[in-house]
């Protein structure tokens, strides 16, 4: 379920994925016992803690793409919000010797449920953490700042 947004779908007709350096990420959250928890997942390669993210998708808004990534990578069913929380930069490995600079725009996703069976279930671990602990678990300092500062009441 998508929270109403004023975003327009992206048209990728003339672009290839290797030309696009922007990704859309999902900051999956829930409220438990009156406290906010954030969902982190492991990357498939190094196993480090990250948030779901992926490339732009043809005819999907950025928050729709983030919600799809949350499903594929973490089994999240929920509601995406159309306003970005911010962005962070990192370097992504593409192939054996190619690294490309990327910027990921982060969209909040309120988690309604987690599926046991989802496309990348056997390839990733997931873990709920406080915003502070989540910030301490990721490698990217810009992402850590956004995680630590996240407050669902501001959505």
Protein backbone atom coordinates (compact mmCIF):
# COMPACT_ATOMS: atom_id res chain seq x y z
CA UNK A 1 0.00 0.00 0.00
CA UNK A 2 1.47 3.36 -1.00
CA UNK A 3 1.05 6.59 0.90
CA UNK A 4 -0.15 9.27 -1.52
CA UNK A 5 2.68 11.13 -3.17
CA UNK A 6 3.21 13.67 -5.92
CA UNK A 7 5.94 11.63 -7.57
CA UNK A 8 5.87 10.82 -11.24
CA UNK A 9 6.84 7.36 -12.54
CA UNK A 10 10.33 7.11 -14.00
CA UNK A 11 10.77 6.26 -17.67
CA UNK A 12 13.89 4.19 -18.33
CA UNK A 13 13.34 3.60 -22.06
CA UNK A 14 16.63 5.19 -23.11
CA UNK A 15 18.77 4.23 -20.11
CA UNK A 16 20.55 1.06 -19.16
CA UNK A 17 21.05 0.05 -15.55
CA UNK A 18 24.79 0.61 -15.89
CA UNK A 19 24.13 4.28 -16.75
CA UNK A 20 22.01 4.93 -13.68
CA UNK A 21 23.84 5.67 -10.44
CA UNK A 22 20.85 6.49 -8.28
CA UNK A 23 19.14 3.84 -6.18
CA UNK A 24 16.02 3.90 -4.04
CA UNK A 25 16.15 2.50 -0.52
CA UNK A 26 13.51 1.52 2.03
CA UNK A 27 13.87 2.44 5.69
CA UNK A 28 11.54 -0.20 7.12
CA UNK A 29 10.21 0.61 10.57
CA UNK A 30 7.66 -0.47 13.17
CA UNK A 31 6.52 0.63 16.60
CA UNK A 32 6.88 -2.03 19.32
CA UNK A 33 6.13 -1.38 23.00
CA UNK A 34 6.04 2.35 22.25
CA UNK A 35 9.52 2.37 20.70
CA UNK A 36 10.60 2.68 17.07
CA UNK A 37 12.49 -0.25 15.59
CA UNK A 38 14.30 -0.30 12.22
CA UNK A 39 14.80 -3.37 10.04
CA UNK A 40 18.28 -4.08 8.71
CA UNK A 41 19.21 -6.85 6.30
CA UNK A 42 22.54 -8.33 5.29
CA UNK A 43 24.06 -7.68 1.90
CA UNK A 44 24.41 -10.73 -0.31
CA UNK A 45 28.12 -10.28 -0.92
CA UNK A 46 29.88 -9.18 2.25
CA UNK A 47 27.11 -9.87 4.75
CA UNK A 48 27.31 -6.34 6.18
CA UNK A 49 24.15 -4.69 7.56
CA UNK A 50 22.25 -2.48 5.08
CA UNK A 51 18.72 -1.37 4.24
CA UNK A 52 16.86 -2.70 1.17
CA UNK A 53 17.75 -0.75 -1.97
CA UNK A 54 17.73 -1.15 -5.71
CA UNK A 55 17.84 0.47 -9.11
CA UNK A 56 15.04 2.66 -10.53
CA UNK A 57 12.23 0.68 -12.14
CA UNK A 58 10.46 1.62 -15.34
CA UNK A 59 7.07 3.24 -14.73
CA UNK A 60 7.48 3.13 -10.92
CA UNK A 61 7.86 6.09 -8.59
CA UNK A 62 10.90 6.13 -6.32
CA UNK A 63 8.82 5.15 -3.26
CA UNK A 64 7.13 2.34 -5.24
CA UNK A 65 10.59 1.02 -6.21
CA UNK A 66 11.71 1.21 -2.55
CA UNK A 67 8.62 -0.75 -1.47
CA UNK A 68 9.29 -3.43 -4.11
CA UNK A 69 12.91 -3.72 -2.91
CA UNK A 70 11.68 -4.05 0.70
CA UNK A 71 9.52 -6.99 -0.41
CA UNK A 72 12.16 -8.71 -2.56
CA UNK A 73 15.07 -8.31 -0.13
CA UNK A 74 13.36 -8.40 3.29
CA UNK A 75 9.86 -9.85 2.84
CA UNK A 76 8.24 -6.61 3.99
CA UNK A 77 4.57 -5.91 3.44
CA UNK A 78 3.75 -2.35 4.35
CA UNK A 79 3.08 1.24 3.40
CA UNK A 80 5.63 3.43 1.62
CA UNK A 81 5.74 7.18 2.10
CA UNK A 82 6.47 9.42 -0.89
CA UNK A 83 8.76 11.91 0.82
CA UNK A 84 12.46 11.03 0.91
CA UNK A 85 14.17 11.06 4.30
CA UNK A 86 17.45 11.99 2.64
CA UNK A 87 20.20 10.23 0.77
CA UNK A 88 23.53 8.59 1.30
CA UNK A 89 26.43 7.73 -0.98
CA UNK A 90 28.42 4.54 -1.31
CA UNK A 91 30.45 2.59 -3.87
CA UNK A 92 28.85 -0.45 -5.45
CA UNK A 93 30.71 -3.39 -6.96
CA UNK A 94 29.47 -4.30 -10.43
CA UNK A 95 31.31 -7.30 -11.74
CA UNK A 96 34.78 -8.44 -10.73
CA UNK A 97 36.73 -5.20 -11.14
CA UNK A 98 34.17 -2.43 -11.65
CA UNK A 99 33.07 -0.12 -8.86
CA UNK A 100 30.60 2.70 -9.39
CA UNK A 101 29.63 5.59 -7.12
CA UNK A 102 25.97 5.47 -6.10
CA UNK A 103 23.54 7.67 -4.25
CA UNK A 104 20.57 6.03 -2.52
CA UNK A 105 17.44 8.06 -1.77
CA UNK A 106 15.71 6.71 1.33
CA UNK A 107 11.94 6.32 1.65
CA UNK A 108 10.22 5.28 4.88
CA UNK A 109 8.17 2.07 4.81
CA UNK A 110 5.86 1.26 7.73
CA UNK A 111 5.99 -2.52 8.13
CA UNK A 112 2.65 -4.27 8.53
CA UNK A 113 4.03 -7.81 8.30
CA UNK A 114 7.14 -9.84 7.43
CA UNK A 115 6.82 -12.87 5.15
CA UNK A 116 8.82 -16.04 5.75
CA UNK A 117 8.94 -16.76 2.03
CA UNK A 118 10.12 -13.92 -0.22
CA UNK A 119 12.40 -13.72 -3.29
CA UNK A 120 15.74 -13.34 -1.44
CA UNK A 121 14.83 -15.19 1.78
CA UNK A 122 17.69 -17.69 1.59
CA UNK A 123 20.26 -15.03 0.74
CA UNK A 124 19.84 -12.51 3.57
CA UNK A 125 19.36 -12.21 7.32
CA UNK A 126 17.15 -9.57 8.88
CA UNK A 127 17.22 -7.93 12.28
CA UNK A 128 15.12 -5.34 14.17
CA UNK A 129 17.13 -2.69 16.02
CA UNK A 130 16.63 0.64 17.77
CA UNK A 131 17.57 3.61 15.58
CA UNK A 132 20.77 4.07 17.63
CA UNK A 133 21.82 0.40 17.34
CA UNK A 134 20.91 0.36 13.62
CA UNK A 135 23.11 3.43 13.09
CA UNK A 136 26.00 1.68 14.85
CA UNK A 137 25.56 -1.43 12.65
CA UNK A 138 25.91 0.14 9.19
CA UNK A 139 29.18 1.15 7.47
CA UNK A 140 27.99 4.30 5.68
CA UNK A 141 28.18 7.38 7.94
CA UNK A 142 25.51 9.31 6.04
CA UNK A 143 23.10 6.36 6.37
CA UNK A 144 23.97 6.03 10.07
CA UNK A 145 23.05 9.69 10.63
CA UNK A 146 19.65 9.21 8.95
CA UNK A 147 18.94 6.02 10.92
CA UNK A 148 19.87 7.60 14.26
CA UNK A 149 17.74 10.69 13.59
CA UNK A 150 14.68 8.79 12.30
CA UNK A 151 11.43 9.63 14.08
CA UNK A 152 8.22 8.06 12.73
CA UNK A 153 6.17 10.83 14.37
CA UNK A 154 7.54 13.27 11.78
CA UNK A 155 6.03 11.42 8.79
